[in-house]
Protein backbone atom coordinates (compact mmCIF):
# COMPACT_ATOMS: atom_id res chain seq x y z
CA MET A 1 21.02 2.42 6.30
CA ILE A 2 17.15 2.49 3.72
CA SER A 3 16.97 3.14 1.08
CA VAL A 4 13.32 3.86 -1.27
CA LEU A 5 13.62 4.22 -4.13
CA PRO A 6 11.12 3.54 -7.30
CA ALA A 7 10.57 -0.12 -8.83
CA ARG A 8 11.63 1.16 -12.48
CA SER A 9 13.21 -2.77 -14.08
CA ALA A 10 12.04 -5.89 -14.82
CA GLU A 11 13.58 -7.13 -11.59
CA ASP A 12 12.39 -4.49 -9.74
CA PHE A 13 8.84 -5.43 -9.64
CA GLU A 14 10.03 -8.45 -8.96
CA THR A 15 11.23 -8.10 -5.66
CA LEU A 16 8.10 -6.11 -5.66
CA ALA A 17 6.32 -9.10 -6.71
CA GLY A 18 7.85 -10.70 -3.53
CA LEU A 19 7.27 -8.65 -1.18
CA CYS A 20 3.47 -8.51 -2.55
CA ARG A 21 3.01 -11.86 -1.58
CA ARG A 22 3.99 -11.82 2.18
CA LEU A 23 2.24 -8.91 2.82
CA ALA A 24 -0.60 -11.58 1.53
CA GLN A 25 0.50 -14.33 2.96
CA TRP A 26 0.09 -11.73 6.66
CA ASP A 27 -2.90 -10.20 5.32
CA VAL A 28 -4.17 -14.15 5.00
CA ASP A 29 -3.32 -14.94 8.34
CA ALA A 30 -4.33 -11.24 10.62
CA SER A 31 -7.57 -11.59 8.81
CA ALA A 32 -8.53 -15.38 9.16
CA PRO A 33 -9.42 -14.40 12.89
CA HIS A 34 -12.09 -11.65 12.28
CA GLY A 35 -13.88 -14.51 9.98
CA ILE A 36 -12.52 -13.96 6.54
CA SER A 37 -11.75 -16.53 4.28
CA ALA A 38 -7.47 -16.83 2.31
CA ALA A 39 -10.24 -17.51 -0.57
CA ASP A 40 -11.93 -13.95 -0.46
CA VAL A 41 -8.30 -11.61 1.33
CA ARG A 42 -6.59 -12.99 -1.96
CA ALA A 43 -10.29 -12.56 -4.76
CA LEU A 44 -10.98 -9.41 -3.26
CA PHE A 45 -7.69 -8.11 -1.49
CA GLN A 46 -4.78 -9.48 -2.24
CA PRO A 47 -4.44 -11.57 -5.70
CA GLU A 48 -1.13 -12.18 -6.84
CA LYS A 49 0.17 -10.57 -9.61
CA SER A 50 3.56 -11.01 -11.22
CA GLY A 51 6.31 -8.27 -12.31
CA PRO A 52 5.27 -7.71 -15.31
CA GLN A 53 1.61 -7.60 -14.72
CA LEU A 54 3.12 -5.88 -11.22
CA ALA A 55 5.43 -2.83 -14.29
CA ALA A 56 1.81 -1.98 -15.38
CA GLN A 57 -0.31 -1.45 -12.99
CA PHE A 58 2.29 0.78 -10.94
CA GLY A 59 4.88 2.04 -14.36
CA ALA A 60 1.23 3.39 -15.99
CA PRO A 61 0.91 7.58 -15.38
CA ASN A 62 -0.16 9.01 -12.79
CA ALA A 63 1.74 5.78 -10.74
CA MET A 64 4.33 4.55 -9.38
CA ALA A 65 6.00 1.97 -6.84
CA PHE A 66 8.70 2.34 -4.70
CA ILE A 67 10.84 -0.65 -2.81
CA ALA A 68 11.99 -0.59 0.91
CA ARG A 69 16.05 -1.85 1.51
CA SER A 70 17.80 -1.86 4.89
CA ARG A 71 21.54 -2.98 4.62
CA GLY A 72 20.64 -4.02 0.38
CA LEU A 73 18.03 -6.19 1.43
CA PRO A 74 14.08 -5.44 0.54
CA ALA A 75 12.39 -4.53 3.32
CA GLY A 76 8.78 -2.84 2.34
CA CYS A 77 6.39 -1.44 -0.58
CA LEU A 78 4.27 1.19 -0.97
CA ALA A 79 2.71 1.83 -4.12
CA PHE A 80 -0.34 4.32 -5.97
CA GLY A 81 -1.96 4.37 -9.12
CA PRO A 82 -5.24 7.01 -9.35
CA PHE A 83 -8.38 6.73 -8.96
CA GLY A 84 -10.70 8.80 -10.42
CA GLU A 85 -10.74 12.36 -11.19
CA GLY A 86 -7.25 14.43 -8.60
CA ALA A 87 -6.96 11.64 -6.42
CA VAL A 88 -4.74 8.85 -5.54
CA GLU A 89 -4.43 5.32 -3.51
CA LEU A 90 -3.15 3.82 -1.75
CA HIS A 91 -1.71 0.03 -2.13
CA LYS A 92 0.44 -2.25 -1.26
CA PHE A 93 2.02 -0.97 1.74
CA PHE A 94 3.73 -3.84 3.78
CA VAL A 95 7.29 -3.85 5.60
CA ASP A 96 8.67 -7.65 6.38
CA ALA A 97 8.84 -8.62 10.35
CA SER A 98 11.83 -8.20 10.46
CA PHE A 99 12.59 -4.88 8.82
CA ARG A 100 9.91 -3.39 11.17
CA GLY A 101 10.46 -1.18 13.60
CA GLN A 102 13.14 0.00 11.99
CA GLY A 103 11.52 3.07 10.28
CA ILE A 104 11.15 1.78 7.04
CA GLY A 105 7.15 2.48 7.04
CA ARG A 106 8.15 6.66 7.59
CA ALA A 107 10.90 6.61 4.65
CA LEU A 108 8.17 4.43 2.55
CA ILE A 109 4.67 6.56 3.39
CA GLY A 110 7.23 10.29 3.43
CA THR A 111 8.47 9.45 0.45
CA THR A 112 5.44 8.15 -1.94
CA LEU A 113 3.84 12.28 -0.39
CA MET A 114 7.26 13.34 -2.19
CA GLN A 115 6.37 12.15 -5.29
CA ILE A 116 2.53 12.37 -5.52
CA GLU A 117 2.83 16.00 -3.98
CA LYS A 118 4.61 16.47 -7.96
CA SER A 119 1.65 14.26 -9.18
CA PRO A 120 -2.01 16.50 -10.35
CA ALA A 121 -3.39 14.77 -7.69
CA ARG A 122 -5.15 16.27 -4.53
CA THR A 123 -6.32 13.31 -2.29
CA VAL A 124 -5.02 11.04 -1.22
CA LEU A 125 -7.23 7.91 -0.55
CA ILE A 126 -7.10 5.02 1.74
CA HIS A 127 -8.45 0.66 2.46
CA THR A 128 -7.16 -0.57 4.59
CA SER A 129 -7.96 -3.64 7.14
CA PHE A 130 -8.79 -2.03 11.19
CA TYR A 131 -6.26 -5.08 12.09
CA MET A 132 -4.03 -3.35 9.86
CA SER A 133 -3.66 -0.61 12.81
CA SER A 134 -0.19 -0.46 13.15
CA ALA A 135 -0.92 0.73 9.07
CA VAL A 136 -3.48 3.16 11.10
CA ALA A 137 -1.70 4.35 13.12
CA LEU A 138 1.51 5.61 10.89
CA TYR A 139 -1.60 7.54 8.01
CA GLU A 140 -3.01 8.62 11.10
CA ALA A 141 0.73 10.35 11.93
CA PHE A 142 0.61 11.49 7.98
CA GLY A 143 -2.76 13.18 8.20
CA PHE A 144 -4.73 10.61 7.20
CA ARG A 145 -8.35 10.92 8.44
CA PRO A 146 -11.54 8.66 7.77
CA CYS A 147 -13.34 9.09 4.92
CA ALA A 148 -16.52 7.96 3.28
CA ARG A 149 -16.66 4.88 1.87
CA PHE A 150 -15.04 4.61 -1.92
CA ARG A 151 -15.46 1.48 -2.56
CA ASP A 152 -17.83 -1.56 -1.94
CA THR A 153 -17.32 -4.48 -0.49
CA PRO A 154 -18.73 -7.70 -0.11
CA ALA A 155 -21.01 -7.51 3.62
CA HIS A 156 -19.00 -10.33 4.61
CA VAL A 157 -16.07 -8.33 4.99
CA ARG A 158 -16.98 -4.92 5.03
CA HIS A 159 -16.88 -5.35 9.08
CA THR A 160 -13.18 -4.84 8.46
CA ASP A 161 -12.86 -2.00 6.52
CA VAL A 162 -11.42 1.10 7.48
CA PHE A 163 -11.13 4.55 4.47
CA LEU A 164 -8.57 7.08 5.04
CA SER A 165 -7.79 10.77 3.14
CA ARG A 166 -5.30 12.87 3.00
CA ALA A 167 -5.91 16.19 1.42
CA ILE A 168 -1.93 17.26 -0.42
CA GLU A 169 -0.10 19.53 0.87
CA GLY A 170 -1.36 22.55 -1.10
CA ALA A 171 -3.94 21.73 -2.53
């Protein structure tokens, strides 16, 4: 059984921090063949944050983090936070390799979008990488489409950038 619940307690945010460390290592490994150094991935996209730092970031107004569990074990995460006027950005989308193919990614995105629909945001943004092809395909299945670049990245990593957006239902 899959459950997707908001991170609320200190223990939840420590669990989130552990999932984010696994996401960072996955990103380091996946980006290496594309000429992106581990140092760049960690500095630009996956800086290590403690549970309290994640609680401050995703416990703020118009922000939230979710943890998916399968058979009671932490299986994945997804968070969102404000991005300018009327928009939020998704962050930290990760499903542990041992839990992939079970619908956890779909459950995370579906739950997160339902929560965002309750917020004042009218647009959801994503900045990801082309080598995260499974995630990109899932985002597209949920109606995300390519959009204009909404942040600058260093020239030596720009070839991996994918920018997507989706309007909120009823917006």
